[in-house]
Amino acid sequence: AKKLGAHHFVVTSDPEQMKAVAGTFDFILDTVS
């Protein structure tokens, strides 16, 4: 992700990481099938 240019990375199975980004995004692009 970082090589592709992403500034940050969050592991969604980690409750603490998810809590830290709650209410922070303007836009989410969901590509998962």
PDB file of all heavy atoms in Angstrom:
ATOM      1  N   ALA A   1       0.831  -1.208   0.000  1.00  0.00           N
ATOM      2  CA  ALA A   1       0.000   0.000   0.000  1.00  0.00           C
ATOM      3  C   ALA A   1       0.864   1.255   0.000  1.00  0.00           C
ATOM      4  O   ALA A   1       0.585   2.223  -0.743  1.00  0.00           O
ATOM      5  CB  ALA A   1      -0.930  -0.007   1.215  1.00  0.00           C
ATOM      6  N   LYS A   2       1.893   1.253   0.803  1.00  0.00           N
ATOM      7  CA  LYS A   2       2.780   2.416   0.880  1.00  0.00           C
ATOM      8  C   LYS A   2       3.561   2.601  -0.430  1.00  0.00           C
ATOM      9  O   LYS A   2       3.768   3.734  -0.883  1.00  0.00           O
ATOM     10  CB  LYS A   2       3.748   2.256   2.057  1.00  0.00           C
ATOM     11  CG  LYS A   2       3.070   2.213   3.433  1.00  0.00           C
ATOM     12  CD  LYS A   2       2.429   3.531   3.791  1.00  0.00           C
ATOM     13  CE  LYS A   2       1.771   3.506   5.171  1.00  0.00           C
ATOM     14  NZ  LYS A   2       2.699   3.263   6.289  1.00  0.00           N
ATOM     15  N   LYS A   3       3.965   1.489  -1.062  1.00  0.00           N
ATOM     16  CA  LYS A   3       4.665   1.576  -2.342  1.00  0.00           C
ATOM     17  C   LYS A   3       3.777   2.177  -3.425  1.00  0.00           C
ATOM     18  O   LYS A   3       4.246   2.875  -4.323  1.00  0.00           O
ATOM     19  CB  LYS A   3       5.159   0.192  -2.774  1.00  0.00           C
ATOM     20  CG  LYS A   3       6.358  -0.322  -1.998  1.00  0.00           C
ATOM     21  CD  LYS A   3       6.776  -1.697  -2.494  1.00  0.00           C
ATOM     22  CE  LYS A   3       7.987  -2.214  -1.734  1.00  0.00           C
ATOM     23  NZ  LYS A   3       8.371  -3.581  -2.187  1.00  0.00           N
ATOM     24  N   LEU A   4       2.469   1.884  -3.335  1.00  0.00           N
ATOM     25  CA  LEU A   4       1.520   2.417  -4.310  1.00  0.00           C
ATOM     26  C   LEU A   4       1.216   3.894  -4.079  1.00  0.00           C
ATOM     27  O   LEU A   4       0.588   4.539  -4.917  1.00  0.00           O
ATOM     28  CB  LEU A   4       0.218   1.616  -4.265  1.00  0.00           C
ATOM     29  CG  LEU A   4       0.299   0.186  -4.810  1.00  0.00           C
ATOM     30  CD1 LEU A   4      -0.930  -0.617  -4.384  1.00  0.00           C
ATOM     31  CD2 LEU A   4       0.418   0.194  -6.331  1.00  0.00           C
ATOM     32  N   GLY A   5       1.653   4.413  -2.923  1.00  0.00           N
ATOM     33  CA  GLY A   5       1.468   5.833  -2.638  1.00  0.00           C
ATOM     34  C   GLY A   5       0.553   6.143  -1.476  1.00  0.00           C
ATOM     35  O   GLY A   5       0.377   7.315  -1.118  1.00  0.00           O
ATOM     36  N   ALA A   6      -0.055   5.113  -0.858  1.00  0.00           N
ATOM     37  CA  ALA A   6      -0.944   5.359   0.276  1.00  0.00           C
ATOM     38  C   ALA A   6      -0.178   6.019   1.414  1.00  0.00           C
ATOM     39  O   ALA A   6       0.970   5.667   1.711  1.00  0.00           O
ATOM     40  CB  ALA A   6      -1.570   4.055   0.751  1.00  0.00           C
ATOM     41  N   HIS A   7      -0.837   6.968   2.069  1.00  0.00           N
ATOM     42  CA  HIS A   7      -0.199   7.688   3.174  1.00  0.00           C
ATOM     43  C   HIS A   7      -0.333   6.944   4.502  1.00  0.00           C
ATOM     44  O   HIS A   7       0.518   7.080   5.382  1.00  0.00           O
ATOM     45  CB  HIS A   7      -0.828   9.081   3.304  1.00  0.00           C
ATOM     46  CG  HIS A   7      -0.754   9.885   2.047  1.00  0.00           C
ATOM     47  ND1 HIS A   7      -1.787   9.957   1.137  1.00  0.00           N
ATOM     48  CD2 HIS A   7       0.253  10.640   1.526  1.00  0.00           C
ATOM     49  CE1 HIS A   7      -1.434  10.732   0.126  1.00  0.00           C
ATOM     50  NE2 HIS A   7      -0.211  11.162   0.335  1.00  0.00           N
ATOM     51  N   HIS A   8      -1.404   6.161   4.634  1.00  0.00           N
ATOM     52  CA  HIS A   8      -1.661   5.454   5.890  1.00  0.00           C
ATOM     53  C   HIS A   8      -2.244   4.084   5.592  1.00  0.00           C
ATOM     54  O   HIS A   8      -2.774   3.832   4.504  1.00  0.00           O
ATOM     55  CB  HIS A   8      -2.657   6.234   6.769  1.00  0.00           C
ATOM     56  CG  HIS A   8      -2.334   7.688   6.916  1.00  0.00           C
ATOM     57  ND1 HIS A   8      -1.289   8.152   7.696  1.00  0.00           N
ATOM     58  CD2 HIS A   8      -2.901   8.791   6.364  1.00  0.00           C
ATOM     59  CE1 HIS A   8      -1.240   9.474   7.629  1.00  0.00           C
ATOM     60  NE2 HIS A   8      -2.211   9.887   6.829  1.00  0.00           N
ATOM     61  N   PHE A   9      -2.175   3.205   6.591  1.00  0.00           N
ATOM     62  CA  PHE A   9      -2.690   1.837   6.458  1.00  0.00           C
ATOM     63  C   PHE A   9      -3.339   1.426   7.771  1.00  0.00           C
ATOM     64  O   PHE A   9      -2.770   1.644   8.848  1.00  0.00           O
ATOM     65  CB  PHE A   9      -1.548   0.876   6.114  1.00  0.00           C
ATOM     66  CG  PHE A   9      -1.976  -0.521   5.796  1.00  0.00           C
ATOM     67  CD1 PHE A   9      -2.310  -0.891   4.501  1.00  0.00           C
ATOM     68  CD2 PHE A   9      -2.053  -1.490   6.798  1.00  0.00           C
ATOM     69  CE1 PHE A   9      -2.712  -2.188   4.199  1.00  0.00           C
ATOM     70  CE2 PHE A   9      -2.449  -2.780   6.509  1.00  0.00           C
ATOM     71  CZ  PHE A   9      -2.779  -3.133   5.207  1.00  0.00           C
ATOM     72  N   VAL A  10      -4.530   0.858   7.673  1.00  0.00           N
ATOM     73  CA  VAL A  10      -5.258   0.417   8.858  1.00  0.00           C
ATOM     74  C   VAL A  10      -5.672  -1.039   8.681  1.00  0.00           C
ATOM     75  O   VAL A  10      -6.262  -1.411   7.658  1.00  0.00           O
ATOM     76  CB  VAL A  10      -6.524   1.285   9.083  1.00  0.00           C
ATOM     77  CG1 VAL A  10      -7.406   0.694  10.179  1.00  0.00           C
ATOM     78  CG2 VAL A  10      -6.119   2.713   9.439  1.00  0.00           C
ATOM     79  N   VAL A  11      -5.364  -1.846   9.678  1.00  0.00           N
ATOM     80  CA  VAL A  11      -5.797  -3.247   9.697  1.00  0.00           C
ATOM     81  C   VAL A  11      -7.194  -3.288  10.312  1.00  0.00           C
ATOM     82  O   VAL A  11      -7.376  -2.968  11.493  1.00  0.00           O
ATOM     83  CB  VAL A  11      -4.826  -4.128  10.509  1.00  0.00           C
ATOM     84  CG1 VAL A  11      -5.305  -5.583  10.521  1.00  0.00           C
ATOM     85  CG2 VAL A  11      -3.411  -4.038   9.933  1.00  0.00           C
ATOM     86  N   THR A  12      -8.183  -3.657   9.529  1.00  0.00           N
ATOM     87  CA  THR A  12      -9.574  -3.539   9.972  1.00  0.00           C
ATOM     88  C   THR A  12      -9.954  -4.534  11.063  1.00  0.00           C
ATOM     89  O   THR A  12     -10.963  -4.350  11.741  1.00  0.00           O
ATOM     90  CB  THR A  12     -10.529  -3.717   8.775  1.00  0.00           C
ATOM     91  OG1 THR A  12     -10.257  -4.970   8.132  1.00  0.00           O
ATOM     92  CG2 THR A  12     -10.340  -2.583   7.772  1.00  0.00           C
ATOM     93  N   SER A  13      -9.153  -5.573  11.240  1.00  0.00           N
ATOM     94  CA  SER A  13      -9.436  -6.548  12.306  1.00  0.00           C
ATOM     95  C   SER A  13      -8.879  -6.107  13.655  1.00  0.00           C
ATOM     96  O   SER A  13      -9.105  -6.764  14.668  1.00  0.00           O
ATOM     97  CB  SER A  13      -8.863  -7.914  11.930  1.00  0.00           C
ATOM     98  OG  SER A  13      -7.457  -7.821  11.696  1.00  0.00           O
ATOM     99  N   ASP A  14      -8.180  -4.979  13.681  1.00  0.00           N
ATOM    100  CA  ASP A  14      -7.602  -4.452  14.919  1.00  0.00           C
ATOM    101  C   ASP A  14      -8.526  -3.360  15.468  1.00  0.00           C
ATOM    102  O   ASP A  14      -8.580  -2.248  14.915  1.00  0.00           O
ATOM    103  CB  ASP A  14      -6.215  -3.874  14.631  1.00  0.00           C
ATOM    104  CG  ASP A  14      -5.493  -3.392  15.893  1.00  0.00           C
ATOM    105  OD1 ASP A  14      -6.178  -2.984  16.864  1.00  0.00           O
ATOM    106  OD2 ASP A  14      -4.249  -3.400  15.907  1.00  0.00           O
ATOM    107  N   PRO A  15      -9.253  -3.629  16.544  1.00  0.00           N
ATOM    108  CA  PRO A  15     -10.218  -2.658  17.085  1.00  0.00           C
ATOM    109  C   PRO A  15      -9.594  -1.313  17.434  1.00  0.00           C
ATOM    110  O   PRO A  15     -10.227  -0.262  17.243  1.00  0.00           O
ATOM    111  CB  PRO A  15     -10.766  -3.358  18.339  1.00  0.00           C
ATOM    112  CG  PRO A  15     -10.529  -4.807  18.104  1.00  0.00           C
ATOM    113  CD  PRO A  15      -9.261  -4.885  17.328  1.00  0.00           C
ATOM    114  N   GLU A  16      -8.379  -1.313  17.931  1.00  0.00           N
ATOM    115  CA  GLU A  16      -7.737  -0.055  18.310  1.00  0.00           C
ATOM    116  C   GLU A  16      -7.421   0.810  17.091  1.00  0.00           C
ATOM    117  O   GLU A  16      -7.602   2.035  17.118  1.00  0.00           O
ATOM    118  CB  GLU A  16      -6.457  -0.337  19.124  1.00  0.00           C
ATOM    119  CG  GLU A  16      -6.726  -0.909  20.511  1.00  0.00           C
ATOM    120  CD  GLU A  16      -7.620   0.011  21.329  1.00  0.00           C
ATOM    121  OE1 GLU A  16      -7.356   1.226  21.374  1.00  0.00           O
ATOM    122  OE2 GLU A  16      -8.596  -0.497  21.926  1.00  0.00           O
ATOM    123  N   GLN A  17      -6.943   0.166  16.032  1.00  0.00           N
ATOM    124  CA  GLN A  17      -6.664   0.925  14.810  1.00  0.00           C
ATOM    125  C   GLN A  17      -7.949   1.493  14.211  1.00  0.00           C
ATOM    126  O   GLN A  17      -7.970   2.632  13.732  1.00  0.00           O
ATOM    127  CB  GLN A  17      -5.952   0.034  13.772  1.00  0.00           C
ATOM    128  CG  GLN A  17      -4.517  -0.333  14.139  1.00  0.00           C
ATOM    129  CD  GLN A  17      -3.779  -0.995  12.986  1.00  0.00           C
ATOM    130  OE1 GLN A  17      -3.898  -0.583  11.830  1.00  0.00           O
ATOM    131  NE2 GLN A  17      -3.012  -2.040  13.297  1.00  0.00           N
ATOM    132  N   MET A  18      -9.013   0.706  14.246  1.00  0.00           N
ATOM    133  CA  MET A  18     -10.289   1.182  13.702  1.00  0.00           C
ATOM    134  C   MET A  18     -10.860   2.319  14.549  1.00  0.00           C
ATOM    135  O   MET A  18     -11.398   3.296  14.021  1.00  0.00           O
ATOM    136  CB  MET A  18     -11.280   0.027  13.614  1.00  0.00           C
ATOM    137  CG  MET A  18     -10.933  -0.998  12.543  1.00  0.00           C
ATOM    138  SD  MET A  18     -11.112  -0.344  10.862  1.00  0.00           S
ATOM    139  CE  MET A  18     -12.888  -0.521  10.645  1.00  0.00           C
ATOM    140  N   LYS A  19     -10.719   2.214  15.865  1.00  0.00           N
ATOM    141  CA  LYS A  19     -11.202   3.263  16.761  1.00  0.00           C
ATOM    142  C   LYS A  19     -10.480   4.576  16.506  1.00  0.00           C
ATOM    143  O   LYS A  19     -11.079   5.664  16.562  1.00  0.00           O
ATOM    144  CB  LYS A  19     -11.007   2.827  18.218  1.00  0.00           C
ATOM    145  CG  LYS A  19     -11.548   3.807  19.245  1.00  0.00           C
ATOM    146  CD  LYS A  19     -11.332   3.274  20.657  1.00  0.00           C
ATOM    147  CE  LYS A  19     -11.846   4.262  21.701  1.00  0.00           C
ATOM    148  NZ  LYS A  19     -11.631   3.743  23.080  1.00  0.00           N
ATOM    149  N   ALA A  20      -9.184   4.462  16.176  1.00  0.00           N
ATOM    150  CA  ALA A  20      -8.368   5.653  15.972  1.00  0.00           C
ATOM    151  C   ALA A  20      -8.788   6.444  14.727  1.00  0.00           C
ATOM    152  O   ALA A  20      -8.536   7.648  14.648  1.00  0.00           O
ATOM    153  CB  ALA A  20      -6.892   5.270  15.868  1.00  0.00           C
ATOM    154  N   VAL A  21      -9.446   5.782  13.763  1.00  0.00           N
ATOM    155  CA  VAL A  21      -9.838   6.486  12.535  1.00  0.00           C
ATOM    156  C   VAL A  21     -11.352   6.693  12.441  1.00  0.00           C
ATOM    157  O   VAL A  21     -11.859   7.155  11.403  1.00  0.00           O
ATOM    158  CB  VAL A  21      -9.336   5.749  11.268  1.00  0.00           C
ATOM    159  CG1 VAL A  21      -7.819   5.785  11.207  1.00  0.00           C
ATOM    160  CG2 VAL A  21      -9.855   4.319  11.204  1.00  0.00           C
ATOM    161  N   ALA A  22     -12.064   6.407  13.512  1.00  0.00           N
ATOM    162  CA  ALA A  22     -13.518   6.616  13.510  1.00  0.00           C
ATOM    163  C   ALA A  22     -13.842   8.084  13.259  1.00  0.00           C
ATOM    164  O   ALA A  22     -13.246   8.986  13.860  1.00  0.00           O
ATOM    165  CB  ALA A  22     -14.124   6.152  14.829  1.00  0.00           C
ATOM    166  N   GLY A  23     -14.782   8.345  12.347  1.00  0.00           N
ATOM    167  CA  GLY A  23     -15.228   9.709  12.076  1.00  0.00           C
ATOM    168  C   GLY A  23     -14.206  10.607  11.416  1.00  0.00           C
ATOM    169  O   GLY A  23     -14.288  11.835  11.552  1.00  0.00           O
ATOM    170  N   THR A  24     -13.262  10.024  10.655  1.00  0.00           N
ATOM    171  CA  THR A  24     -12.166  10.847  10.120  1.00  0.00           C
ATOM    172  C   THR A  24     -12.162  11.007   8.602  1.00  0.00           C
ATOM    173  O   THR A  24     -11.448  11.861   8.075  1.00  0.00           O
ATOM    174  CB  THR A  24     -10.792  10.273  10.530  1.00  0.00           C
ATOM    175  OG1 THR A  24     -10.638   8.966   9.972  1.00  0.00           O
ATOM    176  CG2 THR A  24     -10.660  10.196  12.044  1.00  0.00           C
ATOM    177  N   PHE A  25     -12.951  10.214   7.874  1.00  0.00           N
ATOM    178  CA  PHE A  25     -12.849  10.221   6.418  1.00  0.00           C
ATOM    179  C   PHE A  25     -13.979  11.002   5.758  1.00  0.00           C
ATOM    180  O   PHE A  25     -15.137  10.899   6.150  1.00  0.00           O
ATOM    181  CB  PHE A  25     -12.828   8.792   5.864  1.00  0.00           C
ATOM    182  CG  PHE A  25     -11.647   7.981   6.329  1.00  0.00           C
ATOM    183  CD1 PHE A  25     -11.825   6.863   7.136  1.00  0.00           C
ATOM    184  CD2 PHE A  25     -10.359   8.343   5.978  1.00  0.00           C
ATOM    185  CE1 PHE A  25     -10.748   6.112   7.573  1.00  0.00           C
ATOM    186  CE2 PHE A  25      -9.267   7.605   6.406  1.00  0.00           C
ATOM    187  CZ  PHE A  25      -9.459   6.489   7.212  1.00  0.00           C
ATOM    188  N   ASP A  26     -13.617  11.737   4.719  1.00  0.00           N
ATOM    189  CA  ASP A  26     -14.615  12.427   3.896  1.00  0.00           C
ATOM    190  C   ASP A  26     -15.295  11.466   2.932  1.00  0.00           C
ATOM    191  O   ASP A  26     -16.462  11.654   2.566  1.00  0.00           O
ATOM    192  CB  ASP A  26     -13.948  13.528   3.056  1.00  0.00           C
ATOM    193  CG  ASP A  26     -13.268  14.569   3.910  1.00  0.00           C
ATOM    194  OD1 ASP A  26     -13.981  15.335   4.579  1.00  0.00           O
ATOM    195  OD2 ASP A  26     -12.018  14.609   3.909  1.00  0.00           O
ATOM    196  N   PHE A  27     -14.558  10.430   2.527  1.00  0.00           N
ATOM    197  CA  PHE A  27     -15.005   9.573   1.431  1.00  0.00           C
ATOM    198  C   PHE A  27     -14.365   8.196   1.593  1.00  0.00           C
ATOM    199  O   PHE A  27     -13.180   8.083   1.917  1.00  0.00           O
ATOM    200  CB  PHE A  27     -14.570  10.205   0.108  1.00  0.00           C
ATOM    201  CG  PHE A  27     -14.998   9.491  -1.140  1.00  0.00           C
ATOM    202  CD1 PHE A  27     -16.208   9.795  -1.758  1.00  0.00           C
ATOM    203  CD2 PHE A  27     -14.180   8.527  -1.728  1.00  0.00           C
ATOM    204  CE1 PHE A  27     -16.590   9.153  -2.928  1.00  0.00           C
ATOM    205  CE2 PHE A  27     -14.552   7.882  -2.891  1.00  0.00           C
ATOM    206  CZ  PHE A  27     -15.772   8.200  -3.486  1.00  0.00           C
ATOM    207  N   ILE A  28     -15.151   7.158   1.374  1.00  0.00           N
ATOM    208  CA  ILE A  28     -14.641   5.789   1.390  1.00  0.00           C
ATOM    209  C   ILE A  28     -14.975   5.134   0.060  1.00  0.00           C
ATOM    210  O   ILE A  28     -16.129   5.118  -0.366  1.00  0.00           O
ATOM    211  CB  ILE A  28     -15.233   4.969   2.549  1.00  0.00           C
ATOM    212  CG1 ILE A  28     -14.795   5.552   3.897  1.00  0.00           C
ATOM    213  CG2 ILE A  28     -14.810   3.500   2.444  1.00  0.00           C
ATOM    214  CD1 ILE A  28     -15.423   4.866   5.102  1.00  0.00           C
ATOM    215  N   LEU A  29     -13.961   4.589  -0.595  1.00  0.00           N
ATOM    216  CA  LEU A  29     -14.139   3.833  -1.834  1.00  0.00           C
ATOM    217  C   LEU A  29     -14.028   2.351  -1.481  1.00  0.00           C
ATOM    218  O   LEU A  29     -12.955   1.854  -1.143  1.00  0.00           O
ATOM    219  CB  LEU A  29     -13.065   4.221  -2.849  1.00  0.00           C
ATOM    220  CG  LEU A  29     -13.160   3.543  -4.215  1.00  0.00           C
ATOM    221  CD1 LEU A  29     -14.411   3.994  -4.964  1.00  0.00           C
ATOM    222  CD2 LEU A  29     -11.905   3.836  -5.052  1.00  0.00           C
ATOM    223  N   ASP A  30     -15.149   1.652  -1.567  1.00  0.00           N
ATOM    224  CA  ASP A  30     -15.234   0.252  -1.142  1.00  0.00           C
ATOM    225  C   ASP A  30     -15.150  -0.649  -2.360  1.00  0.00           C
ATOM    226  O   ASP A  30     -16.082  -0.720  -3.162  1.00  0.00           O
ATOM    227  CB  ASP A  30     -16.555   0.042  -0.396  1.00  0.00           C
ATOM    228  CG  ASP A  30     -16.655  -1.324   0.259  1.00  0.00           C
ATOM    229  OD1 ASP A  30     -15.905  -2.235  -0.137  1.00  0.00           O
ATOM    230  OD2 ASP A  30     -17.506  -1.484   1.147  1.00  0.00           O
ATOM    231  N   THR A  31     -14.029  -1.344  -2.504  1.00  0.00           N
ATOM    232  CA  THR A  31     -13.782  -2.165  -3.693  1.00  0.00           C
ATOM    233  C   THR A  31     -13.998  -3.651  -3.450  1.00  0.00           C
ATOM    234  O   THR A  31     -13.763  -4.466  -4.350  1.00  0.00           O
ATOM    235  CB  THR A  31     -12.335  -1.964  -4.185  1.00  0.00           C
ATOM    236  OG1 THR A  31     -11.420  -2.586  -3.266  1.00  0.00           O
ATOM    237  CG2 THR A  31     -11.993  -0.484  -4.317  1.00  0.00           C
ATOM    238  N   VAL A  32     -14.463  -4.028  -2.261  1.00  0.00           N
ATOM    239  CA  VAL A  32     -14.501  -5.436  -1.862  1.00  0.00           C
ATOM    240  C   VAL A  32     -15.747  -6.139  -2.394  1.00  0.00           C
ATOM    241  O   VAL A  32     -16.866  -5.643  -2.245  1.00  0.00           O
ATOM    242  CB  VAL A  32     -14.428  -5.551  -0.327  1.00  0.00           C
ATOM    243  CG1 VAL A  32     -14.589  -7.001   0.126  1.00  0.00           C
ATOM    244  CG2 VAL A  32     -13.098  -4.977   0.175  1.00  0.00           C
ATOM    245  N   SER A  33     -15.547  -7.310  -2.979  1.00  0.00           N
ATOM    246  CA  SER A  33     -16.661  -8.109  -3.496  1.00  0.00           C
ATOM    247  C   SER A  33     -17.062  -9.238  -2.550  1.00  0.00           C
ATOM    248  O   SER A  33     -18.061  -9.918  -2.790  1.00  0.00           O
ATOM    249  CB  SER A  33     -16.305  -8.702  -4.865  1.00  0.00           C
ATOM    250  OG  SER A  33     -16.250  -7.688  -5.846  1.00  0.00           O
TER     251      SER A  33
END
